[in-house]
C-alpha atoms as a PDB file:
ATOM      1  CA  MET A   1      89.815 118.053 108.435  1.00  0.00           C
ATOM      2  CA  LEU A   2      91.853 117.750 111.597  1.00  0.00           C
ATOM      3  CA  VAL A   3      93.985 114.640 112.179  1.00  0.00           C
ATOM      4  CA  GLY A   4      95.115 113.997 115.739  1.00  0.00           C
ATOM      5  CA  PHE A   5      98.182 111.836 116.372  1.00  0.00           C
ATOM      6  CA  ILE A   6      98.557 109.727 119.526  1.00  0.00           C
ATOM      7  CA  THR A   7     101.395 107.388 120.411  1.00  0.00           C
ATOM      8  CA  ALA A   8      99.330 104.307 121.188  1.00  0.00           C
ATOM      9  CA  GLY A   9      99.709 103.124 124.758  1.00  0.00           C
ATOM     10  CA  ASP A  10     101.169 106.373 126.101  1.00  0.00           C
ATOM     11  CA  PRO A  11     101.216 106.735 129.057  1.00  0.00           C
ATOM     12  CA  GLY A  12      99.584 103.310 129.402  1.00  0.00           C
ATOM     13  CA  PRO A  13      97.372 100.964 127.354  1.00  0.00           C
ATOM     14  CA  ASP A  14      94.285 101.976 129.325  1.00  0.00           C
ATOM     15  CA  ALA A  15      94.673 105.663 128.396  1.00  0.00           C
ATOM     16  CA  THR A  16      94.552 105.587 124.605  1.00  0.00           C
ATOM     17  CA  PHE A  17      90.805 105.224 124.104  1.00  0.00           C
ATOM     18  CA  ASP A  18      90.008 108.010 126.565  1.00  0.00           C
ATOM     19  CA  ILE A  19      92.576 110.278 124.905  1.00  0.00           C
ATOM     20  CA  ALA A  20      91.097 109.567 121.473  1.00  0.00           C
ATOM     21  CA  ALA A  21      87.587 110.229 122.794  1.00  0.00           C
ATOM     22  CA  ALA A  22      88.647 113.593 124.248  1.00  0.00           C
ATOM     23  CA  LEU A  23      90.199 114.596 120.923  1.00  0.00           C
ATOM     24  CA  VAL A  24      87.122 113.546 118.960  1.00  0.00           C
ATOM     25  CA  ASP A  25      84.887 115.417 121.388  1.00  0.00           C
ATOM     26  CA  GLY A  26      87.037 118.465 120.712  1.00  0.00           C
ATOM     27  CA  GLY A  27      86.656 118.193 116.943  1.00  0.00           C
ATOM     28  CA  VAL A  28      89.347 115.834 115.649  1.00  0.00           C
ATOM     29  CA  ASP A  29      88.092 114.073 112.507  1.00  0.00           C
ATOM     30  CA  ILE A  30      90.702 111.306 112.111  1.00  0.00           C
ATOM     31  CA  ILE A  31      92.754 109.551 114.774  1.00  0.00           C
ATOM     32  CA  GLU A  32      96.321 108.640 113.815  1.00  0.00           C
ATOM     33  CA  LEU A  33      97.732 105.969 116.110  1.00  0.00           C
ATOM     34  CA  GLY A  34     101.479 105.614 116.275  1.00  0.00           C
ATOM     35  CA  ILE A  35     102.940 102.197 116.962  1.00  0.00           C
ATOM     36  CA  PRO A  36     105.707 102.794 119.537  1.00  0.00           C
ATOM     37  CA  PHE A  37     109.142 101.980 118.191  1.00  0.00           C
ATOM     38  CA  SER A  38     112.593 101.996 119.765  1.00  0.00           C
ATOM     39  CA  ASP A  39     114.312 103.914 116.948  1.00  0.00           C
ATOM     40  CA  PRO A  40     111.850 106.514 115.577  1.00  0.00           C
ATOM     41  CA  ILE A  41     114.251 108.314 113.248  1.00  0.00           C
ATOM     42  CA  ALA A  42     111.728 110.895 111.977  1.00  0.00           C
ATOM     43  CA  ASP A  43     110.565 111.917 115.441  1.00  0.00           C
ATOM     44  CA  GLY A  44     111.837 114.566 117.790  1.00  0.00           C
ATOM     45  CA  PRO A  45     112.301 114.281 121.581  1.00  0.00           C
ATOM     46  CA  THR A  46     108.610 114.637 122.478  1.00  0.00           C
ATOM     47  CA  ILE A  47     107.375 111.686 120.444  1.00  0.00           C
ATOM     48  CA  GLN A  48     110.521 109.686 121.144  1.00  0.00           C
ATOM     49  CA  ALA A  49     109.770 109.997 124.856  1.00  0.00           C
ATOM     50  CA  SER A  50     106.158 108.961 124.320  1.00  0.00           C
ATOM     51  CA  SER A  51     107.289 105.852 122.436  1.00  0.00           C
ATOM     52  CA  LEU A  52     109.598 104.944 125.307  1.00  0.00           C
ATOM     53  CA  ARG A  53     106.777 105.346 127.839  1.00  0.00           C
ATOM     54  CA  ALA A  54     104.521 103.102 125.754  1.00  0.00           C
ATOM     55  CA  LEU A  55     107.210 100.475 125.235  1.00  0.00           C
ATOM     56  CA  ASN A  56     107.973 100.474 128.950  1.00  0.00           C
ATOM     57  CA  ALA A  57     104.260  99.908 129.530  1.00  0.00           C
ATOM     58  CA  GLY A  58     104.479  96.747 127.406  1.00  0.00           C
ATOM     59  CA  VAL A  59     102.635  97.980 124.322  1.00  0.00           C
ATOM     60  CA  THR A  60     102.969  95.787 121.213  1.00  0.00           C
ATOM     61  CA  PRO A  61     101.736  96.178 117.604  1.00  0.00           C
ATOM     62  CA  PRO A  62      98.839  93.702 118.087  1.00  0.00           C
ATOM     63  CA  MET A  63      97.767  95.698 121.145  1.00  0.00           C
ATOM     64  CA  VAL A  64      97.795  98.888 119.068  1.00  0.00           C
ATOM     65  CA  LEU A  65      95.539  97.276 116.482  1.00  0.00           C
ATOM     66  CA  GLU A  66      93.150  96.271 119.268  1.00  0.00           C
ATOM     67  CA  MET A  67      93.088  99.928 120.351  1.00  0.00           C
ATOM     68  CA  ALA A  68      92.400 100.941 116.749  1.00  0.00           C
ATOM     69  CA  ASP A  69      89.459  98.551 116.628  1.00  0.00           C
ATOM     70  CA  GLN A  70      87.920  99.987 119.788  1.00  0.00           C
ATOM     71  CA  ILE A  71      88.374 103.567 118.592  1.00  0.00           C
ATOM     72  CA  ALA A  72      87.003 102.930 115.107  1.00  0.00           C
ATOM     73  CA  ARG A  73      83.960 101.045 116.389  1.00  0.00           C
ATOM     74  CA  SER A  74      83.102 103.130 119.438  1.00  0.00           C
ATOM     75  CA  LEU A  75      83.970 106.630 118.254  1.00  0.00           C
ATOM     76  CA  ASN A  76      82.951 106.154 114.619  1.00  0.00           C
ATOM     77  CA  VAL A  77      86.016 107.923 113.211  1.00  0.00           C
ATOM     78  CA  PRO A  78      88.596 106.770 110.674  1.00  0.00           C
ATOM     79  CA  VAL A  79      91.782 105.415 112.224  1.00  0.00           C
ATOM     80  CA  VAL A  80      95.159 105.697 110.500  1.00  0.00           C
ATOM     81  CA  ILE A  81      98.207 103.815 111.750  1.00  0.00           C
ATOM     82  CA  LEU A  82     101.661 105.386 111.673  1.00  0.00           C
ATOM     83  CA  THR A  83     104.485 102.900 112.025  1.00  0.00           C
ATOM     84  CA  TYR A  84     108.028 102.326 110.932  1.00  0.00           C
ATOM     85  CA  TYR A  85     108.399  99.317 108.673  1.00  0.00           C
ATOM     86  CA  ASN A  86     110.241  97.063 111.127  1.00  0.00           C
ATOM     87  CA  PRO A  87     107.119  96.029 113.132  1.00  0.00           C
ATOM     88  CA  ILE A  88     105.288  95.243 109.868  1.00  0.00           C
ATOM     89  CA  PHE A  89     108.253  93.280 108.502  1.00  0.00           C
ATOM     90  CA  LYS A  90     108.525  91.277 111.705  1.00  0.00           C
ATOM     91  CA  MET A  91     104.853  90.310 111.579  1.00  0.00           C
ATOM     92  CA  GLY A  92     104.781  89.921 107.788  1.00  0.00           C
ATOM     93  CA  ASP A  93     103.110  92.339 105.375  1.00  0.00           C
ATOM     94  CA  GLU A  94     100.088  90.185 104.599  1.00  0.00           C
ATOM     95  CA  ARG A  95      99.418  89.159 108.195  1.00  0.00           C
ATOM     96  CA  PHE A  96      99.787  92.719 109.492  1.00  0.00           C
ATOM     97  CA  LEU A  97      97.451  94.137 106.845  1.00  0.00           C
ATOM     98  CA  LYS A  98      94.810  91.463 107.355  1.00  0.00           C
ATOM     99  CA  LEU A  99      94.843  92.160 111.094  1.00  0.00           C
ATOM    100  CA  ALA A 100      94.713  95.905 110.410  1.00  0.00           C
ATOM    101  CA  LEU A 101      91.650  95.414 108.216  1.00  0.00           C
ATOM    102  CA  ARG A 102      89.893  93.392 110.907  1.00  0.00           C
ATOM    103  CA  SER A 103      90.763  96.190 113.337  1.00  0.00           C
ATOM    104  CA  GLY A 104      88.990  98.852 111.308  1.00  0.00           C
ATOM    105  CA  VAL A 105      92.155 100.621 110.134  1.00  0.00           C
ATOM    106  CA  SER A 106      91.541 102.886 107.138  1.00  0.00           C
ATOM    107  CA  GLY A 107      95.106 103.748 106.184  1.00  0.00           C
ATOM    108  CA  ILE A 108      98.742 103.284 107.141  1.00  0.00           C
ATOM    109  CA  VAL A 109     101.695 105.699 107.024  1.00  0.00           C
ATOM    110  CA  VAL A 110     105.143 104.105 106.943  1.00  0.00           C
ATOM    111  CA  PRO A 111     107.730 106.934 106.884  1.00  0.00           C
ATOM    112  CA  ASP A 112     110.695 104.679 106.084  1.00  0.00           C
ATOM    113  CA  LEU A 113     109.014 102.697 103.292  1.00  0.00           C
ATOM    114  CA  PRO A 114     109.065 104.774 100.074  1.00  0.00           C
ATOM    115  CA  PRO A 115     107.048 103.840  96.964  1.00  0.00           C
ATOM    116  CA  GLU A 116     110.159 102.552  95.195  1.00  0.00           C
ATOM    117  CA  GLU A 117     110.626  99.876  97.864  1.00  0.00           C
ATOM    118  CA  SER A 118     107.042  98.988  98.685  1.00  0.00           C
ATOM    119  CA  THR A 119     105.531  97.385  95.613  1.00  0.00           C
ATOM    120  CA  GLY A 120     104.782  94.098  97.381  1.00  0.00           C
ATOM    121  CA  TYR A 121     103.460  95.793 100.497  1.00  0.00           C
ATOM    122  CA  ARG A 122     101.223  98.078  98.421  1.00  0.00           C
ATOM    123  CA  LYS A 123      99.708  95.124  96.566  1.00  0.00           C
ATOM    124  CA  PHE A 124      98.716  93.509  99.860  1.00  0.00           C
ATOM    125  CA  ALA A 125      97.321  96.835 101.102  1.00  0.00           C
ATOM    126  CA  GLN A 126      95.255  97.282  97.951  1.00  0.00           C
ATOM    127  CA  LYS A 127      93.951  93.738  98.298  1.00  0.00           C
ATOM    128  CA  GLU A 128      92.782  94.463 101.837  1.00  0.00           C
ATOM    129  CA  GLY A 129      91.375  97.879 100.903  1.00  0.00           C
ATOM    130  CA  ILE A 130      93.717  99.818 103.205  1.00  0.00           C
ATOM    131  CA  ASP A 131      95.121 103.145 102.045  1.00  0.00           C
ATOM    132  CA  THR A 132      98.890 103.408 101.719  1.00  0.00           C
ATOM    133  CA  ILE A 133      99.767 107.000 102.620  1.00  0.00           C
ATOM    134  CA  TYR A 134     103.083 108.389 101.399  1.00  0.00           C
ATOM    135  CA  LEU A 135     104.999 111.508 102.379  1.00  0.00           C
ATOM    136  CA  ALA A 136     106.337 114.426 100.373  1.00  0.00           C
ATOM    137  CA  THR A 137     108.975 116.825 101.711  1.00  0.00           C
ATOM    138  CA  PRO A 138     110.675 120.039 100.594  1.00  0.00           C
ATOM    139  CA  SER A 139     113.351 117.942  98.869  1.00  0.00           C
ATOM    140  CA  THR A 140     110.882 115.871  96.802  1.00  0.00           C
ATOM    141  CA  ASN A 141     111.558 116.702  93.154  1.00  0.00           C
ATOM    142  CA  PRO A 142     108.674 117.085  90.651  1.00  0.00           C
ATOM    143  CA  LYS A 143     109.182 113.707  88.961  1.00  0.00           C
ATOM    144  CA  ARG A 144     109.271 111.830  92.243  1.00  0.00           C
ATOM    145  CA  LEU A 145     106.317 113.821  93.572  1.00  0.00           C
ATOM    146  CA  SER A 146     104.311 112.728  90.540  1.00  0.00           C
ATOM    147  CA  ASN A 147     105.177 109.078  91.275  1.00  0.00           C
ATOM    148  CA  ILE A 148     104.270 109.503  94.964  1.00  0.00           C
ATOM    149  CA  VAL A 149     100.930 111.125  94.108  1.00  0.00           C
ATOM    150  CA  SER A 150     100.133 108.222  91.775  1.00  0.00           C
ATOM    151  CA  ALA A 151     100.936 105.689  94.507  1.00  0.00           C
ATOM    152  CA  THR A 152      99.422 107.313  97.599  1.00  0.00           C
ATOM    153  CA  LYS A 153      95.850 106.596  98.664  1.00  0.00           C
ATOM    154  CA  GLY A 154      93.668 108.431 101.151  1.00  0.00           C
ATOM    155  CA  PHE A 155      95.823 111.532 101.295  1.00  0.00           C
ATOM    156  CA  LEU A 156      99.326 112.827 100.671  1.00  0.00           C
ATOM    157  CA  TYR A 157     101.208 113.588 103.891  1.00  0.00           C
ATOM    158  CA  VAL A 158     103.185 116.786 103.296  1.00  0.00           C
ATOM    159  CA  VAL A 159     106.085 117.688 105.585  1.00  0.00           C
ATOM    160  CA  PRO A 160     106.631 121.435 105.077  1.00  0.00           C
ATOM    161  CA  LEU A 161     110.119 121.675 106.586  1.00  0.00           C
ATOM    162  CA  PHE A 162     113.377 119.852 107.099  1.00  0.00           C
ATOM    163  CA  GLY A 163     114.022 118.014 110.359  1.00  0.00           C
ATOM    164  CA  VAL A 164     112.052 115.861 112.756  1.00  0.00           C
ATOM    165  CA  THR A 165     108.685 116.136 114.471  1.00  0.00           C
ATOM    166  CA  GLY A 166     108.163 118.617 117.281  1.00  0.00           C
ATOM    167  CA  ALA A 167     105.669 121.365 118.109  1.00  0.00           C
ATOM    168  CA  ARG A 168     106.798 124.736 116.769  1.00  0.00           C
ATOM    169  CA  GLU A 169     105.946 128.255 117.816  1.00  0.00           C
ATOM    170  CA  SER A 170     105.922 129.512 114.245  1.00  0.00           C
ATOM    171  CA  PHE A 171     106.560 128.604 110.618  1.00  0.00           C
ATOM    172  CA  ASP A 172     108.456 130.774 108.187  1.00  0.00           C
ATOM    173  CA  ALA A 173     107.440 131.761 104.665  1.00  0.00           C
ATOM    174  CA  TYR A 174     109.457 128.861 103.254  1.00  0.00           C
ATOM    175  CA  SER A 175     107.093 126.270 104.761  1.00  0.00           C
ATOM    176  CA  GLY A 176     104.069 128.036 103.339  1.00  0.00           C
ATOM    177  CA  ARG A 177     105.686 128.170  99.928  1.00  0.00           C
ATOM    178  CA  VAL A 178     106.514 124.455 100.063  1.00  0.00           C
ATOM    179  CA  VAL A 179     102.888 123.587 100.800  1.00  0.00           C
ATOM    180  CA  ARG A 180     101.538 125.947  98.142  1.00  0.00           C
ATOM    181  CA  GLU A 181     103.861 124.536  95.485  1.00  0.00           C
ATOM    182  CA  ILE A 182     103.085 120.912  96.341  1.00  0.00           C
ATOM    183  CA  VAL A 183      99.339 121.605  96.412  1.00  0.00           C
ATOM    184  CA  GLY A 184      99.647 123.151  92.964  1.00  0.00           C
ATOM    185  CA  LYS A 185     101.546 120.177  91.569  1.00  0.00           C
ATOM    186  CA  VAL A 186      99.155 117.666  93.133  1.00  0.00           C
ATOM    187  CA  ASP A 187      96.324 119.519  91.368  1.00  0.00           C
ATOM    188  CA  ARG A 188      93.548 117.880  93.423  1.00  0.00           C
ATOM    189  CA  LYS A 189      94.493 114.344  92.387  1.00  0.00           C
ATOM    190  CA  VAL A 190      94.545 113.424  96.090  1.00  0.00           C
ATOM    191  CA  PRO A 191      93.816 115.367  99.310  1.00  0.00           C
ATOM    192  CA  VAL A 192      96.817 117.064 100.911  1.00  0.00           C
ATOM    193  CA  ALA A 193      97.402 116.839 104.667  1.00  0.00           C
ATOM    194  CA  VAL A 194     100.171 118.912 106.266  1.00  0.00           C
ATOM    195  CA  GLY A 195     101.939 117.697 109.397  1.00  0.00           C
ATOM    196  CA  PHE A 196     105.100 118.131 111.534  1.00  0.00           C
ATOM    197  CA  GLY A 197     105.116 120.930 114.071  1.00  0.00           C
ATOM    198  CA  ILE A 198     101.575 122.301 113.883  1.00  0.00           C
ATOM    199  CA  SER A 199     100.451 123.347 117.354  1.00  0.00           C
ATOM    200  CA  LYS A 200      98.231 126.430 117.053  1.00  0.00           C
ATOM    201  CA  ALA A 201      95.057 127.518 115.280  1.00  0.00           C
ATOM    202  CA  GLU A 202      97.080 130.159 113.453  1.00  0.00           C
ATOM    203  CA  HIS A 203      99.249 127.401 111.972  1.00  0.00           C
ATOM    204  CA  VAL A 204      96.127 125.606 110.787  1.00  0.00           C
ATOM    205  CA  ARG A 205      94.835 128.799 109.180  1.00  0.00           C
ATOM    206  CA  SER A 206      98.160 129.445 107.474  1.00  0.00           C
ATOM    207  CA  PHE A 207      98.333 126.025 105.815  1.00  0.00           C
ATOM    208  CA  VAL A 208      94.635 126.026 104.913  1.00  0.00           C
ATOM    209  CA  ASP A 209      95.259 129.353 103.191  1.00  0.00           C
ATOM    210  CA  GLN A 210      98.001 127.642 101.167  1.00  0.00           C
ATOM    211  CA  GLY A 211      95.511 125.028  99.956  1.00  0.00           C
ATOM    212  CA  ALA A 212      95.874 122.150 102.439  1.00  0.00           C
ATOM    213  CA  ASP A 213      92.811 119.946 102.836  1.00  0.00           C
ATOM    214  CA  SER A 214      93.804 118.700 106.293  1.00  0.00           C
ATOM    215  CA  VAL A 215      96.342 119.290 109.031  1.00  0.00           C
ATOM    216  CA  ILE A 216      97.965 116.701 111.279  1.00  0.00           C
ATOM    217  CA  VAL A 217      98.771 117.585 114.884  1.00  0.00           C
ATOM    218  CA  GLY A 218     101.006 115.273 116.904  1.00  0.00           C
ATOM    219  CA  SER A 219     103.669 116.733 119.164  1.00  0.00           C
ATOM    220  CA  ALA A 220     101.326 119.349 120.659  1.00  0.00           C
ATOM    221  CA  ILE A 221      98.958 116.541 121.669  1.00  0.00           C
ATOM    222  CA  VAL A 222     101.738 114.324 122.992  1.00  0.00           C
ATOM    223  CA  ARG A 223     103.237 117.258 124.886  1.00  0.00           C
ATOM    224  CA  THR A 224      99.867 117.864 126.569  1.00  0.00           C
ATOM    225  CA  ILE A 225      99.778 114.216 127.621  1.00  0.00           C
ATOM    226  CA  GLU A 226     103.323 114.404 128.963  1.00  0.00           C
ATOM    227  CA  ARG A 227     102.544 117.544 130.931  1.00  0.00           C
ATOM    228  CA  ASN A 228      99.676 115.805 132.743  1.00  0.00           C
ATOM    229  CA  LEU A 229     100.933 112.277 133.325  1.00  0.00           C
ATOM    230  CA  ASN A 230      99.815 112.351 136.954  1.00  0.00           C
ATOM    231  CA  ASP A 231      96.408 113.946 136.394  1.00  0.00           C
ATOM    232  CA  ARG A 232      94.284 112.039 133.880  1.00  0.00           C
ATOM    233  CA  LYS A 233      91.211 114.271 134.246  1.00  0.00           C
ATOM    234  CA  LYS A 234      93.207 117.441 133.601  1.00  0.00           C
ATOM    235  CA  MET A 235      94.974 115.751 130.685  1.00  0.00           C
ATOM    236  CA  LEU A 236      91.698 114.878 128.979  1.00  0.00           C
ATOM    237  CA  ASN A 237      90.222 118.323 129.578  1.00  0.00           C
ATOM    238  CA  GLU A 238      93.282 120.019 128.113  1.00  0.00           C
ATOM    239  CA  LEU A 239      93.310 117.681 125.109  1.00  0.00           C
ATOM    240  CA  GLU A 240      89.685 118.407 124.349  1.00  0.00           C
ATOM    241  CA  GLY A 241      90.384 122.129 124.670  1.00  0.00           C
ATOM    242  CA  LEU A 242      93.390 121.907 122.359  1.00  0.00           C
ATOM    243  CA  ALA A 243      91.339 120.049 119.766  1.00  0.00           C
ATOM    244  CA  LYS A 244      88.544 122.630 119.987  1.00  0.00           C
ATOM    245  CA  ASP A 245      91.022 125.432 119.416  1.00  0.00           C
ATOM    246  CA  LEU A 246      92.688 123.737 116.469  1.00  0.00           C
ATOM    247  CA  SER A 247      89.418 122.636 114.867  1.00  0.00           C
ATOM    248  CA  SER A 248      87.976 126.141 115.108  1.00  0.00           C
ATOM    249  CA  ILE A 249      89.599 126.638 111.695  1.00  0.00           C
ATOM    250  CA  ARG A 250      87.716 124.108 109.618  1.00  0.00           C
ATOM    251  CA  THR A 251      89.606 122.792 106.619  1.00  0.00           C
ATOM    252  CA  SER A 252      86.597 121.352 104.856  1.00  0.00           C
END
């Protein structure tokens, strides 16, 4: 499957649904909505800039959940939220998760909330029936990977390289080996989705060949939005075309 990431509210709150619709029309299977945050430590310049544009447009976490509701209901696709923990903490775990459930959210990725520190949060998520999606990286040791696989729901988000988000021209053999080794250790206990840097159909093919069930594309989408801030029609056409190209390699 193909997961498409959007920074919710970039370049404005009125754009997100149309962007999601263009991606779905192009073949995206799951929409991942990022809650804009002022200190996105795992993100590179492209997504950092998109968060700033959304924040400057006045986007808030409750607004993002309203966008999620519209997308889930109108486009009939699963919606996953990506957020740093601070916005959840500020609202309160239980309140945030109840609102997320009412908004049709299927799962939530919180990059700075590891399993060891999220027992209470995970209990609330399980109660509401929302998947808690954890990440694995090249530095995740086998014992910790086993604990992460036991805790994650929906899918395991695999980061195949060191560093932050950002569309890449190519991946080296190391990234492929990381994915292959993690897929082998996961042993089909949970689907594996690979993200960070994927921007071309050849990248999708490479990671599918290593056993990934899904790929997540973010910076390439956000970069397309940024390139067409003053031409909404062209933006949507290019996004649909990008999604068609990436989804031409079906992962399931």
